[in-house]
């Protein structure tokens, strides 16, 4: 039997697809247990495990050049070379991911598979480094744990930042500016 790789071995984010395939496989195992957890009133515990899994394997590190950053976070990081006062934010909140992962007889998307979970993660699972004030702006606009109403976040994962209530308009990645508005 092949040995499972540890999170430290996945710190090379050039292997993002491989990491997301691994996370998709583990998420599928957890999702299959959802009815049991729900029956026992332990859905919160299952969500905690999913948060840990996504954080341990996918959350970027501050020294990674590949991290998406808001313009203000990038300026602060360059000026201080310190991540204090900065926050990692899931581009699509985990609560939205939980809604998709929860088994539901009414869903029209069909059964969850490793492949469609992996595709979902590839298209939507990104972290952005933002300032605490930008994080508070997201909270104040009502988008801390949800996406704007009517948003197809599978096609537009950055919708929270583009919304008129939010003040994040430009992201940077590897020094290149990405305009959201």
N, C-alpha and C. Protein backbone atom coordinates (compact mmCIF):
# COMPACT_ATOMS: atom_id res chain seq x y z
N UNK A 1 0.85 -1.18 0.00
CA UNK A 1 0.00 0.00 0.00
C UNK A 1 0.89 1.24 0.00
N UNK A 2 0.58 2.20 -0.85
CA UNK A 2 1.38 3.43 -0.97
C UNK A 2 1.22 4.30 0.27
N UNK A 3 2.32 4.90 0.68
CA UNK A 3 2.33 5.79 1.85
C UNK A 3 1.68 7.13 1.47
N UNK A 4 0.82 7.65 2.34
CA UNK A 4 0.19 8.96 2.13
C UNK A 4 1.24 10.04 2.34
N UNK A 5 1.20 11.06 1.52
CA UNK A 5 2.13 12.17 1.66
C UNK A 5 1.64 13.13 2.73
N UNK A 6 2.57 13.78 3.40
CA UNK A 6 2.19 14.75 4.43
C UNK A 6 1.99 16.12 3.79
N UNK A 7 1.37 17.02 4.55
CA UNK A 7 1.11 18.38 4.06
C UNK A 7 2.41 19.09 3.71
N UNK A 8 3.48 18.85 4.46
CA UNK A 8 4.75 19.53 4.20
C UNK A 8 5.30 19.17 2.82
N UNK A 9 5.04 17.97 2.37
CA UNK A 9 5.52 17.57 1.05
C UNK A 9 4.77 18.29 -0.07
N UNK A 10 3.64 18.92 0.26
CA UNK A 10 2.84 19.62 -0.74
C UNK A 10 3.06 21.12 -0.70
N UNK A 11 4.09 21.59 -0.02
CA UNK A 11 4.33 23.03 0.04
C UNK A 11 4.75 23.60 -1.31
N UNK A 12 5.14 22.76 -2.24
CA UNK A 12 5.46 23.22 -3.58
C UNK A 12 4.15 23.39 -4.34
N UNK A 13 3.66 24.64 -4.42
CA UNK A 13 2.35 24.86 -5.01
C UNK A 13 2.36 24.81 -6.53
N UNK A 14 3.48 24.42 -7.11
CA UNK A 14 3.50 24.10 -8.53
C UNK A 14 2.76 22.77 -8.76
N UNK A 15 2.45 22.08 -7.68
CA UNK A 15 1.76 20.79 -7.75
C UNK A 15 0.30 20.95 -7.32
N UNK A 16 -0.31 22.08 -7.60
CA UNK A 16 -1.66 22.38 -7.13
C UNK A 16 -2.68 21.34 -7.56
N UNK A 17 -2.63 20.90 -8.81
CA UNK A 17 -3.60 19.91 -9.29
C UNK A 17 -3.50 18.61 -8.50
N UNK A 18 -2.27 18.18 -8.24
CA UNK A 18 -2.07 16.95 -7.48
C UNK A 18 -2.61 17.11 -6.05
N UNK A 19 -2.37 18.25 -5.46
CA UNK A 19 -2.87 18.52 -4.11
C UNK A 19 -4.40 18.51 -4.11
N UNK A 20 -5.00 19.20 -5.08
CA UNK A 20 -6.46 19.28 -5.12
C UNK A 20 -7.10 17.92 -5.40
N UNK A 21 -6.46 17.08 -6.19
CA UNK A 21 -6.96 15.72 -6.40
C UNK A 21 -6.96 14.94 -5.09
N UNK A 22 -5.88 15.07 -4.33
CA UNK A 22 -5.78 14.41 -3.03
C UNK A 22 -6.87 14.93 -2.09
N UNK A 23 -7.04 16.25 -2.01
CA UNK A 23 -8.05 16.85 -1.15
C UNK A 23 -9.45 16.41 -1.59
N UNK A 24 -9.70 16.35 -2.90
CA UNK A 24 -11.00 15.92 -3.41
C UNK A 24 -11.31 14.50 -2.97
N UNK A 25 -10.32 13.64 -3.03
CA UNK A 25 -10.50 12.24 -2.60
C UNK A 25 -10.85 12.17 -1.11
N UNK A 26 -10.14 12.94 -0.31
CA UNK A 26 -10.40 12.96 1.14
C UNK A 26 -11.76 13.60 1.44
N UNK A 27 -12.12 14.67 0.72
CA UNK A 27 -13.42 15.30 0.92
C UNK A 27 -14.55 14.32 0.58
N UNK A 28 -14.38 13.56 -0.48
CA UNK A 28 -15.40 12.59 -0.86
C UNK A 28 -15.61 11.57 0.25
N UNK A 29 -14.53 11.12 0.87
CA UNK A 29 -14.65 10.19 2.00
C UNK A 29 -15.46 10.81 3.14
N UNK A 30 -15.18 12.09 3.44
CA UNK A 30 -15.91 12.76 4.50
C UNK A 30 -17.37 12.98 4.13
N UNK A 31 -17.62 13.35 2.88
CA UNK A 31 -18.99 13.62 2.43
C UNK A 31 -19.85 12.36 2.52
N UNK A 32 -19.25 11.22 2.23
CA UNK A 32 -20.00 9.97 2.32
C UNK A 32 -20.45 9.68 3.75
N UNK A 33 -19.77 10.27 4.72
CA UNK A 33 -20.14 10.08 6.13
C UNK A 33 -21.16 11.11 6.61
N UNK A 34 -21.50 12.10 5.77
CA UNK A 34 -22.37 13.20 6.19
C UNK A 34 -23.69 12.73 6.80
N UNK A 35 -24.42 11.79 6.17
CA UNK A 35 -25.69 11.36 6.77
C UNK A 35 -25.53 10.82 8.19
N UNK A 36 -24.45 10.08 8.44
CA UNK A 36 -24.21 9.56 9.78
C UNK A 36 -23.94 10.69 10.76
N UNK A 37 -23.11 11.64 10.36
CA UNK A 37 -22.81 12.79 11.23
C UNK A 37 -24.08 13.60 11.50
N UNK A 38 -24.91 13.76 10.46
CA UNK A 38 -26.14 14.52 10.62
C UNK A 38 -27.08 13.81 11.60
N UNK A 39 -27.20 12.52 11.44
CA UNK A 39 -28.06 11.72 12.32
C UNK A 39 -27.61 11.83 13.78
N UNK A 40 -26.31 11.91 13.98
CA UNK A 40 -25.75 12.01 15.34
C UNK A 40 -25.67 13.45 15.84
N UNK A 41 -26.10 14.42 14.98
CA UNK A 41 -26.02 15.83 15.37
C UNK A 41 -24.59 16.35 15.41
N UNK A 42 -23.74 15.78 14.57
CA UNK A 42 -22.31 16.14 14.58
C UNK A 42 -21.86 16.80 13.28
N UNK A 43 -22.75 17.50 12.60
CA UNK A 43 -22.36 18.15 11.34
C UNK A 43 -21.24 19.16 11.57
N UNK A 44 -21.26 19.84 12.71
CA UNK A 44 -20.21 20.80 13.03
C UNK A 44 -18.83 20.15 13.07
N UNK A 45 -18.76 18.94 13.59
CA UNK A 45 -17.50 18.20 13.65
C UNK A 45 -17.01 17.87 12.24
N UNK A 46 -17.93 17.48 11.37
CA UNK A 46 -17.57 17.18 9.99
C UNK A 46 -17.05 18.44 9.28
N UNK A 47 -17.73 19.57 9.48
CA UNK A 47 -17.27 20.83 8.90
C UNK A 47 -15.88 21.20 9.42
N UNK A 48 -15.64 20.96 10.70
CA UNK A 48 -14.32 21.24 11.28
C UNK A 48 -13.25 20.40 10.59
N UNK A 49 -13.55 19.13 10.32
CA UNK A 49 -12.58 18.26 9.64
C UNK A 49 -12.33 18.75 8.22
N UNK A 50 -13.38 19.19 7.53
CA UNK A 50 -13.21 19.71 6.16
C UNK A 50 -12.39 20.98 6.19
N UNK A 51 -12.65 21.87 7.16
CA UNK A 51 -11.83 23.10 7.30
C UNK A 51 -10.37 22.75 7.51
N UNK A 52 -10.12 21.77 8.39
CA UNK A 52 -8.74 21.36 8.65
C UNK A 52 -8.09 20.82 7.38
N UNK A 53 -8.80 19.95 6.69
CA UNK A 53 -8.26 19.33 5.49
C UNK A 53 -7.90 20.38 4.44
N UNK A 54 -8.80 21.30 4.18
CA UNK A 54 -8.53 22.32 3.18
C UNK A 54 -7.43 23.27 3.64
N UNK A 55 -7.38 23.58 4.92
CA UNK A 55 -6.35 24.47 5.43
C UNK A 55 -4.98 23.82 5.44
N UNK A 56 -4.91 22.57 5.86
CA UNK A 56 -3.63 21.88 5.98
C UNK A 56 -2.98 21.60 4.64
N UNK A 57 -3.78 21.33 3.63
CA UNK A 57 -3.21 20.93 2.35
C UNK A 57 -3.20 22.01 1.29
N UNK A 58 -4.06 23.00 1.42
CA UNK A 58 -4.20 23.95 0.33
C UNK A 58 -3.85 25.38 0.71
N UNK A 59 -4.01 25.74 1.97
CA UNK A 59 -3.74 27.13 2.37
C UNK A 59 -2.29 27.49 2.06
N UNK A 60 -2.08 28.61 1.39
CA UNK A 60 -0.72 29.01 1.02
C UNK A 60 0.08 29.53 2.21
N UNK A 61 1.36 29.63 2.04
CA UNK A 61 2.24 30.15 3.08
C UNK A 61 2.66 31.57 2.69
N UNK A 62 3.00 32.40 3.67
CA UNK A 62 3.30 33.80 3.39
C UNK A 62 4.52 33.98 2.50
N UNK A 63 5.44 33.04 2.49
CA UNK A 63 6.63 33.20 1.67
C UNK A 63 6.43 32.66 0.25
N UNK A 64 5.23 32.27 -0.10
CA UNK A 64 4.94 31.74 -1.42
C UNK A 64 4.65 32.88 -2.37
N UNK A 65 5.40 32.98 -3.43
CA UNK A 65 5.23 34.08 -4.40
C UNK A 65 3.93 33.95 -5.18
N UNK A 66 3.34 32.77 -5.17
CA UNK A 66 2.16 32.50 -5.97
C UNK A 66 0.85 32.94 -5.29
N UNK A 67 0.92 33.52 -4.11
CA UNK A 67 -0.28 33.88 -3.35
C UNK A 67 -0.95 35.11 -3.97
N UNK A 68 -2.27 35.03 -4.13
CA UNK A 68 -3.04 36.20 -4.53
C UNK A 68 -3.09 37.15 -3.35
N UNK A 69 -2.91 38.44 -3.60
CA UNK A 69 -2.95 39.43 -2.53
C UNK A 69 -3.74 40.63 -3.00
N UNK A 70 -4.43 41.26 -2.05
CA UNK A 70 -5.05 42.54 -2.39
C UNK A 70 -3.92 43.54 -2.56
N UNK A 71 -4.22 44.63 -3.23
CA UNK A 71 -3.19 45.65 -3.45
C UNK A 71 -2.66 46.19 -2.11
N UNK A 72 -3.58 46.44 -1.17
CA UNK A 72 -3.15 46.96 0.15
C UNK A 72 -2.32 45.94 0.91
N UNK A 73 -2.70 44.66 0.85
CA UNK A 73 -1.93 43.62 1.53
C UNK A 73 -0.54 43.49 0.92
N UNK A 74 -0.47 43.59 -0.40
CA UNK A 74 0.82 43.51 -1.08
C UNK A 74 1.73 44.67 -0.67
N UNK A 75 1.15 45.88 -0.61
CA UNK A 75 1.93 47.05 -0.19
C UNK A 75 2.45 46.88 1.24
N UNK A 76 1.60 46.43 2.14
CA UNK A 76 2.01 46.24 3.54
C UNK A 76 3.08 45.17 3.65
N UNK A 77 2.92 44.07 2.93
CA UNK A 77 3.90 42.99 2.98
C UNK A 77 5.25 43.45 2.45
N UNK A 78 5.24 44.21 1.38
CA UNK A 78 6.50 44.73 0.82
C UNK A 78 7.17 45.73 1.76
N UNK A 79 6.36 46.57 2.41
CA UNK A 79 6.90 47.61 3.29
C UNK A 79 7.47 47.03 4.58
N UNK A 80 6.79 46.01 5.12
CA UNK A 80 7.20 45.49 6.43
C UNK A 80 7.85 44.13 6.37
N UNK A 81 7.69 43.41 5.26
CA UNK A 81 8.18 42.04 5.12
C UNK A 81 7.65 41.18 6.27
N UNK A 82 6.40 41.49 6.68
CA UNK A 82 5.79 40.82 7.81
C UNK A 82 4.30 40.66 7.51
N UNK A 83 3.73 39.52 7.86
CA UNK A 83 2.33 39.25 7.55
C UNK A 83 1.39 39.65 8.69
N UNK A 84 1.91 40.30 9.73
CA UNK A 84 1.02 40.76 10.81
C UNK A 84 0.02 41.76 10.26
N UNK A 85 -1.23 41.61 10.68
CA UNK A 85 -2.27 42.50 10.20
C UNK A 85 -2.86 42.06 8.88
N UNK A 86 -2.41 40.92 8.38
CA UNK A 86 -2.95 40.38 7.13
C UNK A 86 -3.71 39.09 7.43
N UNK A 87 -4.68 38.81 6.59
CA UNK A 87 -5.58 37.68 6.79
C UNK A 87 -5.67 36.88 5.50
N UNK A 88 -5.71 35.55 5.63
CA UNK A 88 -5.99 34.72 4.46
C UNK A 88 -7.50 34.56 4.35
N UNK A 89 -8.02 34.76 3.16
CA UNK A 89 -9.45 34.67 2.92
C UNK A 89 -9.69 33.68 1.78
N UNK A 90 -10.66 32.77 1.98
CA UNK A 90 -11.05 31.88 0.89
C UNK A 90 -11.83 32.71 -0.13
N UNK A 91 -11.44 32.65 -1.38
CA UNK A 91 -12.13 33.40 -2.42
C UNK A 91 -13.61 33.03 -2.42
N UNK A 92 -13.90 31.74 -2.39
CA UNK A 92 -15.27 31.26 -2.20
C UNK A 92 -15.33 30.72 -0.77
N UNK A 93 -16.16 31.32 0.07
CA UNK A 93 -16.20 30.89 1.48
C UNK A 93 -16.50 29.40 1.63
N UNK A 94 -15.92 28.80 2.66
CA UNK A 94 -16.13 27.38 2.88
C UNK A 94 -17.60 27.04 3.10
N UNK A 95 -18.38 27.97 3.65
CA UNK A 95 -19.81 27.72 3.83
C UNK A 95 -20.49 27.43 2.49
N UNK A 96 -20.05 28.10 1.44
CA UNK A 96 -20.60 27.84 0.11
C UNK A 96 -20.18 26.45 -0.37
N UNK A 97 -18.95 26.07 -0.07
CA UNK A 97 -18.47 24.74 -0.43
C UNK A 97 -19.26 23.67 0.33
N UNK A 98 -19.56 23.93 1.61
CA UNK A 98 -20.34 22.98 2.40
C UNK A 98 -21.71 22.74 1.77
N UNK A 99 -22.33 23.81 1.26
CA UNK A 99 -23.65 23.68 0.64
C UNK A 99 -23.60 22.71 -0.55
N UNK A 100 -22.54 22.79 -1.33
CA UNK A 100 -22.40 21.92 -2.50
C UNK A 100 -22.09 20.48 -2.07
N UNK A 101 -21.29 20.33 -1.03
CA UNK A 101 -20.86 19.00 -0.61
C UNK A 101 -21.95 18.23 0.14
N UNK A 102 -22.87 18.93 0.78
CA UNK A 102 -23.89 18.23 1.56
C UNK A 102 -24.77 17.38 0.66
N UNK A 103 -24.94 16.11 1.01
CA UNK A 103 -25.82 15.26 0.21
C UNK A 103 -27.26 15.78 0.31
N UNK A 104 -27.92 15.87 -0.82
CA UNK A 104 -29.28 16.38 -0.87
C UNK A 104 -30.01 15.67 -2.00
N UNK A 105 -31.13 15.06 -1.67
CA UNK A 105 -31.88 14.32 -2.68
C UNK A 105 -32.42 15.22 -3.79
N UNK A 106 -32.54 16.52 -3.53
CA UNK A 106 -33.11 17.46 -4.50
C UNK A 106 -32.08 17.99 -5.50
N UNK A 107 -30.81 17.71 -5.27
CA UNK A 107 -29.77 18.23 -6.17
C UNK A 107 -29.92 17.66 -7.57
N UNK A 108 -29.70 18.51 -8.54
CA UNK A 108 -29.80 18.10 -9.92
C UNK A 108 -28.43 17.82 -10.53
N UNK A 109 -27.37 18.14 -9.79
CA UNK A 109 -26.01 18.01 -10.31
C UNK A 109 -25.55 16.56 -10.39
N UNK A 110 -26.32 15.65 -9.84
CA UNK A 110 -25.90 14.26 -9.84
C UNK A 110 -25.05 13.96 -8.62
N UNK A 111 -24.55 12.76 -8.59
CA UNK A 111 -23.77 12.30 -7.46
C UNK A 111 -22.39 12.96 -7.44
N UNK A 112 -21.92 13.24 -6.24
CA UNK A 112 -20.57 13.80 -6.12
C UNK A 112 -19.54 12.71 -6.38
N UNK A 113 -18.55 13.05 -7.18
CA UNK A 113 -17.45 12.13 -7.47
C UNK A 113 -16.15 12.86 -7.17
N UNK A 114 -15.08 12.10 -7.10
CA UNK A 114 -13.77 12.72 -6.91
C UNK A 114 -13.49 13.71 -8.03
N UNK A 115 -13.86 13.35 -9.26
CA UNK A 115 -13.58 14.19 -10.41
C UNK A 115 -14.33 15.52 -10.35
N UNK A 116 -15.64 15.49 -10.01
CA UNK A 116 -16.35 16.78 -9.99
C UNK A 116 -16.01 17.61 -8.76
N UNK A 117 -15.62 16.99 -7.65
CA UNK A 117 -15.13 17.76 -6.50
C UNK A 117 -13.80 18.39 -6.86
N UNK A 118 -12.93 17.63 -7.52
CA UNK A 118 -11.62 18.15 -7.92
C UNK A 118 -11.77 19.32 -8.89
N UNK A 119 -12.69 19.21 -9.85
CA UNK A 119 -12.94 20.30 -10.79
C UNK A 119 -13.46 21.54 -10.06
N UNK A 120 -14.38 21.32 -9.14
CA UNK A 120 -14.92 22.42 -8.33
C UNK A 120 -13.79 23.14 -7.58
N UNK A 121 -12.91 22.38 -6.95
CA UNK A 121 -11.80 22.98 -6.20
C UNK A 121 -10.85 23.73 -7.13
N UNK A 122 -10.53 23.14 -8.28
CA UNK A 122 -9.62 23.80 -9.23
C UNK A 122 -10.15 25.17 -9.68
N UNK A 123 -11.47 25.24 -9.86
CA UNK A 123 -12.08 26.47 -10.38
C UNK A 123 -12.37 27.51 -9.31
N UNK A 124 -12.49 27.10 -8.07
CA UNK A 124 -12.96 28.04 -7.05
C UNK A 124 -12.11 28.13 -5.79
N UNK A 125 -11.23 27.18 -5.55
CA UNK A 125 -10.53 27.16 -4.28
C UNK A 125 -9.19 27.88 -4.36
N UNK A 126 -9.25 29.16 -4.03
CA UNK A 126 -8.06 30.01 -3.98
C UNK A 126 -8.09 30.76 -2.67
N UNK A 127 -6.92 31.12 -2.21
CA UNK A 127 -6.80 31.95 -1.02
C UNK A 127 -6.28 33.31 -1.45
N UNK A 128 -6.74 34.35 -0.78
CA UNK A 128 -6.27 35.70 -1.04
C UNK A 128 -5.81 36.29 0.29
N UNK A 129 -4.65 36.91 0.28
CA UNK A 129 -4.16 37.61 1.46
C UNK A 129 -4.71 39.03 1.41
N UNK A 130 -5.46 39.42 2.46
CA UNK A 130 -6.05 40.75 2.53
C UNK A 130 -5.71 41.38 3.87
N UNK A 131 -5.92 42.67 3.99
CA UNK A 131 -5.68 43.35 5.27
C UNK A 131 -6.87 43.10 6.19
N UNK A 132 -6.66 43.33 7.48
CA UNK A 132 -7.76 43.17 8.44
C UNK A 132 -8.90 44.13 8.12
N UNK A 133 -8.57 45.35 7.68
CA UNK A 133 -9.63 46.31 7.34
C UNK A 133 -10.44 45.82 6.13
N UNK A 134 -9.79 45.18 5.16
CA UNK A 134 -10.50 44.63 4.02
C UNK A 134 -11.37 43.45 4.46
N UNK A 135 -10.87 42.67 5.40
CA UNK A 135 -11.65 41.56 5.95
C UNK A 135 -12.89 42.09 6.66
N UNK A 136 -12.72 43.18 7.41
CA UNK A 136 -13.86 43.82 8.08
C UNK A 136 -14.85 44.38 7.06
N UNK A 137 -14.35 44.88 5.94
CA UNK A 137 -15.21 45.36 4.87
C UNK A 137 -16.06 44.22 4.31
N UNK A 138 -15.46 43.04 4.14
CA UNK A 138 -16.21 41.87 3.68
C UNK A 138 -17.30 41.51 4.69
N UNK A 139 -16.94 41.54 5.97
CA UNK A 139 -17.92 41.22 7.02
C UNK A 139 -19.04 42.25 7.03
N UNK A 140 -18.68 43.53 6.94
CA UNK A 140 -19.67 44.60 6.96
C UNK A 140 -20.61 44.56 5.76
N UNK A 141 -20.13 44.03 4.65
CA UNK A 141 -20.96 43.97 3.45
C UNK A 141 -21.83 42.71 3.44
N UNK A 142 -21.64 41.84 4.43
CA UNK A 142 -22.42 40.61 4.52
C UNK A 142 -21.85 39.46 3.73
N UNK A 143 -20.60 39.60 3.27
CA UNK A 143 -20.00 38.57 2.43
C UNK A 143 -18.87 37.80 3.12
N UNK A 144 -18.83 37.81 4.43
CA UNK A 144 -17.78 37.08 5.13
C UNK A 144 -17.89 35.57 4.86
N UNK A 145 -19.10 35.05 4.89
CA UNK A 145 -19.26 33.61 4.72
C UNK A 145 -20.25 33.24 3.61
N UNK A 146 -20.58 34.18 2.76
CA UNK A 146 -21.48 33.87 1.64
C UNK A 146 -21.12 34.70 0.43
N UNK A 147 -21.63 34.26 -0.69
CA UNK A 147 -21.43 34.96 -1.95
C UNK A 147 -22.64 35.86 -2.20
N UNK A 148 -22.49 36.87 -3.07
CA UNK A 148 -23.63 37.73 -3.40
C UNK A 148 -24.79 36.91 -3.98
N UNK A 149 -26.02 37.35 -3.70
CA UNK A 149 -27.20 36.66 -4.22
C UNK A 149 -27.16 36.62 -5.75
N UNK A 150 -27.58 35.48 -6.28
CA UNK A 150 -27.66 35.33 -7.73
C UNK A 150 -26.32 35.10 -8.41
N UNK A 151 -25.28 34.98 -7.65
CA UNK A 151 -23.94 34.81 -8.21
C UNK A 151 -23.69 33.34 -8.54
N UNK A 152 -23.20 33.06 -9.73
CA UNK A 152 -22.76 31.72 -10.08
C UNK A 152 -21.26 31.68 -9.77
N UNK A 153 -20.95 31.34 -8.53
CA UNK A 153 -19.56 31.44 -8.09
C UNK A 153 -18.65 30.40 -8.72
N UNK A 154 -19.22 29.37 -9.32
CA UNK A 154 -18.39 28.41 -10.04
C UNK A 154 -17.77 29.07 -11.28
N UNK A 155 -18.50 30.05 -11.85
CA UNK A 155 -18.00 30.79 -13.02
C UNK A 155 -17.32 32.09 -12.64
N UNK A 156 -17.70 32.65 -11.49
CA UNK A 156 -17.18 33.94 -11.07
C UNK A 156 -16.78 33.89 -9.58
N UNK A 157 -15.67 33.18 -9.26
CA UNK A 157 -15.31 33.01 -7.86
C UNK A 157 -14.94 34.32 -7.15
N UNK A 158 -14.60 35.37 -7.88
CA UNK A 158 -14.18 36.63 -7.26
C UNK A 158 -15.34 37.61 -7.07
N UNK A 159 -16.57 37.14 -7.19
CA UNK A 159 -17.75 38.02 -7.13
C UNK A 159 -17.84 38.83 -5.84
N UNK A 160 -17.42 38.27 -4.71
CA UNK A 160 -17.49 39.02 -3.44
C UNK A 160 -16.63 40.28 -3.51
N UNK A 161 -15.46 40.16 -4.10
CA UNK A 161 -14.54 41.29 -4.17
C UNK A 161 -14.99 42.32 -5.20
N UNK A 162 -15.69 41.86 -6.23
CA UNK A 162 -16.17 42.77 -7.29
C UNK A 162 -17.42 43.53 -6.88
N UNK A 163 -18.13 43.03 -5.88
CA UNK A 163 -19.41 43.63 -5.49
C UNK A 163 -19.22 45.08 -5.03
N UNK A 164 -20.20 45.93 -5.34
CA UNK A 164 -20.10 47.36 -5.02
C UNK A 164 -19.96 47.64 -3.53
N UNK A 165 -20.39 46.71 -2.66
CA UNK A 165 -20.28 46.92 -1.21
C UNK A 165 -18.87 46.64 -0.69
N UNK A 166 -18.06 46.00 -1.49
CA UNK A 166 -16.71 45.61 -1.06
C UNK A 166 -15.69 46.57 -1.65
N UNK A 167 -14.58 46.75 -0.95
CA UNK A 167 -13.58 47.74 -1.38
C UNK A 167 -12.33 47.12 -2.01
N UNK A 168 -12.38 45.84 -2.33
CA UNK A 168 -11.22 45.19 -2.92
C UNK A 168 -11.41 45.18 -4.44
N UNK A 169 -10.57 45.88 -5.16
CA UNK A 169 -10.74 46.01 -6.61
C UNK A 169 -9.56 45.45 -7.41
N UNK A 170 -8.39 45.38 -6.77
CA UNK A 170 -7.21 44.93 -7.50
C UNK A 170 -6.49 43.87 -6.66
N UNK A 171 -6.17 42.76 -7.30
CA UNK A 171 -5.35 41.73 -6.68
C UNK A 171 -4.02 41.67 -7.40
N UNK A 172 -3.02 41.18 -6.72
CA UNK A 172 -1.72 40.99 -7.38
C UNK A 172 -1.32 39.53 -7.21
N UNK A 173 -0.60 39.05 -8.18
CA UNK A 173 -0.05 37.70 -8.13
C UNK A 173 1.28 37.73 -8.84
N UNK A 174 2.31 37.37 -8.12
CA UNK A 174 3.67 37.41 -8.66
C UNK A 174 3.98 38.78 -9.26
N UNK A 175 3.50 39.84 -8.59
CA UNK A 175 3.78 41.19 -9.02
C UNK A 175 2.90 41.71 -10.14
N UNK A 176 2.02 40.87 -10.69
CA UNK A 176 1.14 41.31 -11.78
C UNK A 176 -0.21 41.70 -11.19
N UNK A 177 -0.75 42.83 -11.69
CA UNK A 177 -2.03 43.34 -11.21
C UNK A 177 -3.20 42.66 -11.93
N UNK A 178 -4.23 42.31 -11.16
CA UNK A 178 -5.42 41.70 -11.70
C UNK A 178 -6.58 42.64 -11.30
N UNK A 179 -7.19 43.31 -12.26
CA UNK A 179 -8.28 44.24 -11.98
C UNK A 179 -9.60 43.48 -11.93
N UNK A 180 -10.33 43.64 -10.83
CA UNK A 180 -11.58 42.91 -10.65
C UNK A 180 -12.80 43.71 -11.08
N UNK A 181 -12.72 45.03 -10.97
CA UNK A 181 -13.90 45.87 -11.25
C UNK A 181 -14.04 46.17 -12.72
